[in-house]
Amino acid sequence: VICGCCGKDVGNAMFKTNPDIEIRYNTVLLDPETFDIWPENKCVRLLQRFPTHGRESETPTGHAYLSINVVNDMSSVVRISHVITL
């Protein structure tokens, strides 16, 4: 889960429908269509659960890597206030 700052309803525009960024987990590009707003409107759940197979589950160092890459000139600033893992 990643949460944005500043505002209570920024999750959708800042992360889910933002065409200027791409989000990867363990180098695998995530599909924003699978994201959902949770647990607050400023947050987006990227994965329902940690992957157990496929390239996104491979962590040779034992660490998980989340990246947010800028792919276009950003029309608005992305500010991350929280990263939540459960």
Protein backbone atom coordinates (compact mmCIF):
# COMPACT_ATOMS: atom_id res chain seq x y z
CA VAL A 1 0.00 0.00 0.00
CA ILE A 2 1.25 3.49 -0.79
CA CYS A 3 -0.39 6.64 0.51
CA GLY A 4 -0.12 10.13 -0.86
CA CYS A 5 0.21 13.53 0.69
CA CYS A 6 -1.44 16.03 0.97
CA GLY A 7 -5.18 15.57 0.96
CA LYS A 8 -7.75 12.94 1.79
CA ASP A 9 -8.70 11.92 -1.76
CA VAL A 10 -5.36 11.85 -3.60
CA GLY A 11 -4.85 8.08 -4.02
CA ASN A 12 -6.70 7.64 -7.28
CA ALA A 13 -5.25 10.61 -9.17
CA MET A 14 -1.76 10.38 -7.68
CA PHE A 15 -1.18 6.64 -8.16
CA LYS A 16 -3.99 4.62 -9.77
CA THR A 17 -4.79 6.77 -12.80
CA ASN A 18 -1.57 8.78 -13.10
CA PRO A 19 -0.20 8.32 -16.66
CA ASP A 20 3.12 9.93 -15.70
CA ILE A 21 4.36 7.13 -13.44
CA GLU A 22 4.88 3.39 -13.48
CA ILE A 23 5.06 1.26 -10.35
CA ARG A 24 7.17 -1.88 -10.16
CA TYR A 25 7.48 -4.59 -7.55
CA ASN A 26 10.70 -6.62 -7.72
CA THR A 27 11.31 -5.16 -11.21
CA VAL A 28 7.90 -6.35 -12.51
CA LEU A 29 5.63 -3.61 -13.87
CA LEU A 30 2.33 -3.59 -11.98
CA ASP A 31 -0.99 -3.03 -13.75
CA PRO A 32 -2.80 -0.01 -12.26
CA GLU A 33 -6.12 -1.64 -13.19
CA THR A 34 -5.49 -4.13 -10.38
CA PHE A 35 -4.91 -1.40 -7.75
CA ASP A 36 -7.68 -0.52 -5.35
CA ILE A 37 -8.27 2.34 -2.96
CA TRP A 38 -7.58 0.97 0.53
CA PRO A 39 -7.76 1.60 3.51
CA GLU A 40 -8.28 5.35 2.97
CA ASN A 41 -8.98 7.45 -0.13
CA LYS A 42 -5.40 8.74 -0.02
CA CYS A 43 -3.99 5.20 -0.28
CA VAL A 44 -3.75 2.60 -3.04
CA ARG A 45 -3.25 -1.11 -2.43
CA LEU A 46 -0.87 -2.31 -5.12
CA LEU A 47 -1.09 -6.05 -4.42
CA GLN A 48 -3.78 -8.09 -2.68
CA ARG A 49 -1.02 -10.33 -1.28
CA PHE A 50 2.69 -10.88 -1.69
CA PRO A 51 3.44 -12.92 -4.83
CA THR A 52 4.36 -16.57 -4.31
CA HIS A 53 5.34 -17.46 -7.90
CA GLY A 54 6.65 -15.78 -11.02
CA ARG A 55 9.36 -13.17 -11.41
CA GLU A 56 7.71 -10.78 -8.94
CA SER A 57 8.19 -13.36 -6.17
CA GLU A 58 11.92 -13.75 -6.80
CA THR A 59 13.97 -11.96 -4.17
CA PRO A 60 17.49 -13.39 -4.26
CA THR A 61 18.63 -10.93 -1.59
CA GLY A 62 15.64 -11.60 0.66
CA HIS A 63 14.38 -8.04 0.18
CA ALA A 64 11.33 -6.75 -1.67
CA TYR A 65 11.78 -3.76 -3.97
CA LEU A 66 9.11 -1.21 -4.80
CA SER A 67 9.86 1.50 -7.35
CA ILE A 68 7.91 4.40 -8.74
CA ASN A 69 9.39 5.65 -12.00
CA VAL A 70 8.54 8.88 -13.76
CA VAL A 71 7.86 8.07 -17.43
CA ASN A 72 6.55 11.44 -18.69
CA ASP A 73 6.87 15.07 -17.71
CA MET A 74 4.83 15.10 -14.55
CA SER A 75 1.73 17.27 -14.68
CA SER A 76 1.42 17.12 -10.87
CA VAL A 77 3.73 16.28 -8.00
CA VAL A 78 3.67 12.80 -6.45
CA ARG A 79 4.19 12.93 -2.70
CA ILE A 80 4.34 9.68 -0.75
CA SER A 81 3.47 9.88 2.92
CA HIS A 82 3.35 6.16 3.80
CA VAL A 83 4.36 2.77 2.47
CA ILE A 84 2.49 0.01 4.27
CA THR A 85 3.37 -3.69 4.19
CA LEU A 86 1.27 -6.30 5.96
